[in-house]
PDB file of all heavy atoms in Angstrom:
ATOM      1  N   ALA A   1      -9.692  -2.571   8.075  1.00  0.00           N
ATOM      2  CA  ALA A   1     -10.040  -1.193   7.694  1.00  0.00           C
ATOM      3  C   ALA A   1      -8.779  -0.325   7.629  1.00  0.00           C
ATOM      4  O   ALA A   1      -8.601   0.452   6.698  1.00  0.00           O
ATOM      5  CB  ALA A   1     -11.078  -0.608   8.663  1.00  0.00           C
ATOM      6  N   VAL A   2      -7.951  -0.403   8.625  1.00  0.00           N
ATOM      7  CA  VAL A   2      -6.727   0.394   8.682  1.00  0.00           C
ATOM      8  C   VAL A   2      -5.746   0.023   7.557  1.00  0.00           C
ATOM      9  O   VAL A   2      -5.185   0.858   6.857  1.00  0.00           O
ATOM     10  CB  VAL A   2      -6.025   0.215  10.078  1.00  0.00           C
ATOM     11  CG1 VAL A   2      -4.654   0.886  10.038  1.00  0.00           C
ATOM     12  CG2 VAL A   2      -6.848   0.864  11.180  1.00  0.00           C
ATOM     13  N   GLN A   3      -5.589  -1.268   7.366  1.00  0.00           N
ATOM     14  CA  GLN A   3      -4.715  -1.719   6.286  1.00  0.00           C
ATOM     15  C   GLN A   3      -5.284  -1.327   4.938  1.00  0.00           C
ATOM     16  O   GLN A   3      -4.407  -0.971   4.053  1.00  0.00           O
ATOM     17  CB  GLN A   3      -4.462  -3.222   6.382  1.00  0.00           C
ATOM     18  CG  GLN A   3      -3.619  -3.629   7.591  1.00  0.00           C
ATOM     19  CD  GLN A   3      -3.447  -5.150   7.727  1.00  0.00           C
ATOM     20  OE1 GLN A   3      -4.155  -5.897   7.065  1.00  0.00           O
ATOM     21  NE2 GLN A   3      -2.477  -5.523   8.529  1.00  0.00           N
ATOM     22  N   GLY A   4      -6.541  -1.423   4.760  1.00  0.00           N
ATOM     23  CA  GLY A   4      -7.148  -1.000   3.492  1.00  0.00           C
ATOM     24  C   GLY A   4      -6.927   0.463   3.248  1.00  0.00           C
ATOM     25  O   GLY A   4      -6.661   0.905   2.143  1.00  0.00           O
ATOM     26  N   ALA A   5      -7.164   1.275   4.315  1.00  0.00           N
ATOM     27  CA  ALA A   5      -6.966   2.742   4.172  1.00  0.00           C
ATOM     28  C   ALA A   5      -5.502   3.065   3.820  1.00  0.00           C
ATOM     29  O   ALA A   5      -5.238   4.023   3.027  1.00  0.00           O
ATOM     30  CB  ALA A   5      -7.338   3.407   5.459  1.00  0.00           C
ATOM     31  N   ALA A   6      -4.563   2.286   4.389  1.00  0.00           N
ATOM     32  CA  ALA A   6      -3.173   2.593   4.147  1.00  0.00           C
ATOM     33  C   ALA A   6      -2.710   2.209   2.755  1.00  0.00           C
ATOM     34  O   ALA A   6      -1.821   2.919   2.130  1.00  0.00           O
ATOM     35  CB  ALA A   6      -2.299   1.948   5.206  1.00  0.00           C
ATOM     36  N   THR A   7      -3.182   1.123   2.237  1.00  0.00           N
ATOM     37  CA  THR A   7      -2.640   0.569   0.995  1.00  0.00           C
ATOM     38  C   THR A   7      -3.502   0.717  -0.234  1.00  0.00           C
ATOM     39  O   THR A   7      -3.041   0.468  -1.291  1.00  0.00           O
ATOM     40  CB  THR A   7      -2.397  -0.979   1.259  1.00  0.00           C
ATOM     41  OG1 THR A   7      -3.687  -1.581   1.514  1.00  0.00           O
ATOM     42  CG2 THR A   7      -1.460  -1.263   2.347  1.00  0.00           C
ATOM     43  N   SER A   8      -4.729   1.198  -0.075  1.00  0.00           N
ATOM     44  CA  SER A   8      -5.649   1.249  -1.212  1.00  0.00           C
ATOM     45  C   SER A   8      -5.167   2.214  -2.308  1.00  0.00           C
ATOM     46  O   SER A   8      -5.513   2.058  -3.472  1.00  0.00           O
ATOM     47  CB  SER A   8      -7.035   1.679  -0.715  1.00  0.00           C
ATOM     48  OG  SER A   8      -7.015   2.992  -0.154  1.00  0.00           O
ATOM     49  N   ARG A   9      -4.346   3.216  -1.864  1.00  0.00           N
ATOM     50  CA  ARG A   9      -3.850   4.190  -2.898  1.00  0.00           C
ATOM     51  C   ARG A   9      -2.320   4.139  -3.089  1.00  0.00           C
ATOM     52  O   ARG A   9      -1.706   5.121  -3.529  1.00  0.00           O
ATOM     53  CB  ARG A   9      -4.267   5.571  -2.446  1.00  0.00           C
ATOM     54  CG  ARG A   9      -5.791   5.742  -2.274  1.00  0.00           C
ATOM     55  CD  ARG A   9      -6.234   7.076  -1.788  1.00  0.00           C
ATOM     56  NE  ARG A   9      -6.122   8.106  -2.801  1.00  0.00           N
ATOM     57  CZ  ARG A   9      -6.395   9.381  -2.626  1.00  0.00           C
ATOM     58  NH1 ARG A   9      -6.866   9.754  -1.462  1.00  0.00           N
ATOM     59  NH2 ARG A   9      -6.285  10.286  -3.590  1.00  0.00           N
ATOM     60  N   LEU A  10      -1.792   2.942  -2.826  1.00  0.00           N
ATOM     61  CA  LEU A  10      -0.320   2.797  -2.987  1.00  0.00           C
ATOM     62  C   LEU A  10       0.130   3.067  -4.413  1.00  0.00           C
ATOM     63  O   LEU A  10       1.149   3.762  -4.650  1.00  0.00           O
ATOM     64  CB  LEU A  10       0.114   1.403  -2.579  1.00  0.00           C
ATOM     65  CG  LEU A  10       0.640   1.241  -1.165  1.00  0.00           C
ATOM     66  CD1 LEU A  10       0.894  -0.180  -0.767  1.00  0.00           C
ATOM     67  CD2 LEU A  10       1.866   2.082  -0.930  1.00  0.00           C
ATOM     68  N   PRO A  11      -0.551   2.557  -5.452  1.00  0.00           N
ATOM     69  CA  PRO A  11      -0.093   2.838  -6.826  1.00  0.00           C
ATOM     70  C   PRO A  11      -0.145   4.347  -7.113  1.00  0.00           C
ATOM     71  O   PRO A  11       0.772   4.879  -7.761  1.00  0.00           O
ATOM     72  CB  PRO A  11      -1.145   2.112  -7.725  1.00  0.00           C
ATOM     73  CG  PRO A  11      -1.680   0.988  -6.846  1.00  0.00           C
ATOM     74  CD  PRO A  11      -1.666   1.529  -5.442  1.00  0.00           C
ATOM     75  N   GLU A  12      -1.183   5.009  -6.620  1.00  0.00           N
ATOM     76  CA  GLU A  12      -1.297   6.441  -6.768  1.00  0.00           C
ATOM     77  C   GLU A  12      -0.152   7.194  -6.038  1.00  0.00           C
ATOM     78  O   GLU A  12       0.376   8.212  -6.524  1.00  0.00           O
ATOM     79  CB  GLU A  12      -2.612   6.937  -6.279  1.00  0.00           C
ATOM     80  CG  GLU A  12      -2.880   8.410  -6.542  1.00  0.00           C
ATOM     81  CD  GLU A  12      -4.219   8.849  -6.035  1.00  0.00           C
ATOM     82  OE1 GLU A  12      -5.110   7.992  -5.727  1.00  0.00           O
ATOM     83  OE2 GLU A  12      -4.455  10.068  -5.969  1.00  0.00           O
ATOM     84  N   LEU A  13       0.223   6.617  -4.912  1.00  0.00           N
ATOM     85  CA  LEU A  13       1.314   7.250  -4.133  1.00  0.00           C
ATOM     86  C   LEU A  13       2.631   7.246  -4.870  1.00  0.00           C
ATOM     87  O   LEU A  13       3.336   8.211  -4.941  1.00  0.00           O
ATOM     88  CB  LEU A  13       1.503   6.528  -2.754  1.00  0.00           C
ATOM     89  CG  LEU A  13       2.646   7.025  -1.886  1.00  0.00           C
ATOM     90  CD1 LEU A  13       2.430   8.492  -1.548  1.00  0.00           C
ATOM     91  CD2 LEU A  13       2.770   6.158  -0.639  1.00  0.00           C
ATOM     92  N   GLY A  14       2.950   6.099  -5.488  1.00  0.00           N
ATOM     93  CA  GLY A  14       4.139   6.013  -6.283  1.00  0.00           C
ATOM     94  C   GLY A  14       4.188   6.966  -7.449  1.00  0.00           C
ATOM     95  O   GLY A  14       5.197   7.686  -7.667  1.00  0.00           O
ATOM     96  N   ASP A  15       3.059   7.080  -8.188  1.00  0.00           N
ATOM     97  CA  ASP A  15       2.970   8.045  -9.279  1.00  0.00           C
ATOM     98  C   ASP A  15       3.019   9.469  -8.816  1.00  0.00           C
ATOM     99  O   ASP A  15       3.665  10.340  -9.421  1.00  0.00           O
ATOM    100  CB  ASP A  15       1.699   7.781 -10.083  1.00  0.00           C
ATOM    101  CG  ASP A  15       1.681   6.452 -10.781  1.00  0.00           C
ATOM    102  OD1 ASP A  15       2.776   5.850 -10.971  1.00  0.00           O
ATOM    103  OD2 ASP A  15       0.559   5.943 -11.090  1.00  0.00           O
ATOM    104  N   ARG A  16       2.388   9.703  -7.694  1.00  0.00           N
ATOM    105  CA  ARG A  16       2.391  11.067  -7.105  1.00  0.00           C
ATOM    106  C   ARG A  16       3.789  11.485  -6.728  1.00  0.00           C
ATOM    107  O   ARG A  16       4.237  12.620  -6.962  1.00  0.00           O
ATOM    108  CB  ARG A  16       1.467  11.070  -5.887  1.00  0.00           C
ATOM    109  CG  ARG A  16       1.577  12.362  -4.993  1.00  0.00           C
ATOM    110  CD  ARG A  16       0.771  13.480  -5.539  1.00  0.00           C
ATOM    111  NE  ARG A  16       0.720  14.537  -4.546  1.00  0.00           N
ATOM    112  CZ  ARG A  16      -0.188  14.684  -3.598  1.00  0.00           C
ATOM    113  NH1 ARG A  16      -1.275  13.866  -3.576  1.00  0.00           N
ATOM    114  NH2 ARG A  16      -0.157  15.686  -2.772  1.00  0.00           N
ATOM    115  N   LEU A  17       4.538  10.595  -6.110  1.00  0.00           N
ATOM    116  CA  LEU A  17       5.923  10.873  -5.749  1.00  0.00           C
ATOM    117  C   LEU A  17       6.794  11.164  -6.989  1.00  0.00           C
ATOM    118  O   LEU A  17       7.616  12.120  -7.009  1.00  0.00           O
ATOM    119  CB  LEU A  17       6.556   9.764  -4.919  1.00  0.00           C
ATOM    120  CG  LEU A  17       5.972   9.588  -3.526  1.00  0.00           C
ATOM    121  CD1 LEU A  17       6.513   8.347  -2.862  1.00  0.00           C
ATOM    122  CD2 LEU A  17       6.286  10.756  -2.662  1.00  0.00           C
ATOM    123  N   ASP A  18       6.642  10.360  -8.033  1.00  0.00           N
ATOM    124  CA  ASP A  18       7.374  10.629  -9.310  1.00  0.00           C
ATOM    125  C   ASP A  18       7.044  11.986  -9.800  1.00  0.00           C
ATOM    126  O   ASP A  18       7.963  12.738 -10.175  1.00  0.00           O
ATOM    127  CB  ASP A  18       6.981   9.571 -10.341  1.00  0.00           C
ATOM    128  CG  ASP A  18       7.717   8.244 -10.168  1.00  0.00           C
ATOM    129  OD1 ASP A  18       8.731   8.250  -9.451  1.00  0.00           O
ATOM    130  OD2 ASP A  18       7.207   7.244 -10.704  1.00  0.00           O
ATOM    131  N   ARG A  19       5.806  12.340  -9.798  1.00  0.00           N
ATOM    132  CA  ARG A  19       5.390  13.633 -10.401  1.00  0.00           C
ATOM    133  C   ARG A  19       5.812  14.826  -9.467  1.00  0.00           C
ATOM    134  O   ARG A  19       6.400  15.772  -9.986  1.00  0.00           O
ATOM    135  CB  ARG A  19       3.847  13.663 -10.523  1.00  0.00           C
ATOM    136  CG  ARG A  19       3.355  14.959 -11.172  1.00  0.00           C
ATOM    137  CD  ARG A  19       1.851  14.941 -11.348  1.00  0.00           C
ATOM    138  NE  ARG A  19       1.139  15.029 -10.024  1.00  0.00           N
ATOM    139  CZ  ARG A  19       0.522  14.070  -9.471  1.00  0.00           C
ATOM    140  NH1 ARG A  19       0.458  12.866 -10.007  1.00  0.00           N
ATOM    141  NH2 ARG A  19      -0.087  14.265  -8.240  1.00  0.00           N
ATOM    142  N   ASP A  20       5.561  14.726  -8.215  1.00  0.00           N
ATOM    143  CA  ASP A  20       5.817  15.883  -7.291  1.00  0.00           C
ATOM    144  C   ASP A  20       7.304  16.072  -7.056  1.00  0.00           C
ATOM    145  O   ASP A  20       7.794  17.202  -6.947  1.00  0.00           O
ATOM    146  CB  ASP A  20       5.042  15.728  -5.972  1.00  0.00           C
ATOM    147  CG  ASP A  20       3.566  15.839  -6.164  1.00  0.00           C
ATOM    148  OD1 ASP A  20       3.138  16.128  -7.261  1.00  0.00           O
ATOM    149  OD2 ASP A  20       2.864  15.742  -5.132  1.00  0.00           O
ATOM    150  N   LEU A  21       8.018  14.998  -6.874  1.00  0.00           N
ATOM    151  CA  LEU A  21       9.454  15.109  -6.670  1.00  0.00           C
ATOM    152  C   LEU A  21      10.119  15.668  -7.959  1.00  0.00           C
ATOM    153  O   LEU A  21      11.110  16.407  -7.884  1.00  0.00           O
ATOM    154  CB  LEU A  21      10.105  13.763  -6.261  1.00  0.00           C
ATOM    155  CG  LEU A  21       9.626  13.232  -4.937  1.00  0.00           C
ATOM    156  CD1 LEU A  21      10.454  11.951  -4.605  1.00  0.00           C
ATOM    157  CD2 LEU A  21       9.841  14.220  -3.836  1.00  0.00           C
ATOM    158  N   GLY A  22       9.619  15.249  -9.085  1.00  0.00           N
ATOM    159  CA  GLY A  22      10.159  15.738 -10.348  1.00  0.00           C
ATOM    160  C   GLY A  22       9.851  17.197 -10.542  1.00  0.00           C
ATOM    161  O   GLY A  22      10.645  17.932 -11.190  1.00  0.00           O
ATOM    162  N   ALA A  23       8.720  17.676  -9.986  1.00  0.00           N
ATOM    163  CA  ALA A  23       8.358  19.097 -10.200  1.00  0.00           C
ATOM    164  C   ALA A  23       8.974  20.022  -9.211  1.00  0.00           C
ATOM    165  O   ALA A  23       8.915  21.212  -9.280  1.00  0.00           O
ATOM    166  CB  ALA A  23       6.828  19.209 -10.175  1.00  0.00           C
ATOM    167  N   ALA A  24       9.649  19.436  -8.167  1.00  0.00           N
ATOM    168  CA  ALA A  24      10.214  20.246  -7.112  1.00  0.00           C
ATOM    169  C   ALA A  24      11.406  21.054  -7.616  1.00  0.00           C
ATOM    170  O   ALA A  24      12.209  20.537  -8.409  1.00  0.00           O
ATOM    171  CB  ALA A  24      10.648  19.346  -5.903  1.00  0.00           C
ATOM    172  N   ASP A  25      11.501  22.293  -7.216  1.00  0.00           N
ATOM    173  CA  ASP A  25      12.636  23.171  -7.633  1.00  0.00           C
ATOM    174  C   ASP A  25      13.843  22.812  -6.732  1.00  0.00           C
ATOM    175  O   ASP A  25      13.845  23.075  -5.509  1.00  0.00           O
ATOM    176  CB  ASP A  25      12.287  24.603  -7.404  1.00  0.00           C
ATOM    177  CG  ASP A  25      13.404  25.583  -7.832  1.00  0.00           C
ATOM    178  OD1 ASP A  25      14.399  25.082  -8.410  1.00  0.00           O
ATOM    179  OD2 ASP A  25      13.224  26.770  -7.585  1.00  0.00           O
ATOM    180  N   LEU A  26      14.863  22.200  -7.402  1.00  0.00           N
ATOM    181  CA  LEU A  26      16.082  21.788  -6.635  1.00  0.00           C
ATOM    182  C   LEU A  26      17.144  22.850  -6.614  1.00  0.00           C
ATOM    183  O   LEU A  26      18.215  22.635  -6.020  1.00  0.00           O
ATOM    184  CB  LEU A  26      16.662  20.516  -7.325  1.00  0.00           C
ATOM    185  CG  LEU A  26      15.645  19.334  -7.409  1.00  0.00           C
ATOM    186  CD1 LEU A  26      16.350  18.177  -8.055  1.00  0.00           C
ATOM    187  CD2 LEU A  26      15.088  18.977  -6.033  1.00  0.00           C
ATOM    188  N   GLY A  27      16.895  24.022  -7.175  1.00  0.00           N
ATOM    189  CA  GLY A  27      17.878  25.134  -7.172  1.00  0.00           C
ATOM    190  C   GLY A  27      19.054  24.911  -8.042  1.00  0.00           C
ATOM    191  O   GLY A  27      20.160  25.474  -7.849  1.00  0.00           O
ATOM    192  N   LEU A  28      18.928  24.015  -9.046  1.00  0.00           N
ATOM    193  CA  LEU A  28      20.077  23.721  -9.928  1.00  0.00           C
ATOM    194  C   LEU A  28      20.130  24.648 -11.188  1.00  0.00           C
ATOM    195  O   LEU A  28      21.083  24.647 -11.894  1.00  0.00           O
ATOM    196  CB  LEU A  28      19.994  22.285 -10.416  1.00  0.00           C
ATOM    197  CG  LEU A  28      20.330  21.228  -9.347  1.00  0.00           C
ATOM    198  CD1 LEU A  28      20.005  19.832  -9.908  1.00  0.00           C
ATOM    199  CD2 LEU A  28      21.753  21.341  -8.923  1.00  0.00           C
ATOM    200  N   GLY A  29      19.055  25.372 -11.423  1.00  0.00           N
ATOM    201  CA  GLY A  29      18.968  26.093 -12.667  1.00  0.00           C
ATOM    202  C   GLY A  29      19.845  27.307 -12.757  1.00  0.00           C
ATOM    203  O   GLY A  29      20.231  27.716 -13.851  1.00  0.00           O
TER     204      GLY A  29
END
């Protein structure tokens, strides 16, 4: 149960990081 809870959304986690890190304001503008 614990391992399933941790890993069931791994693909979504990778995509989420790509999206959210890309949208973060890095102060370069």
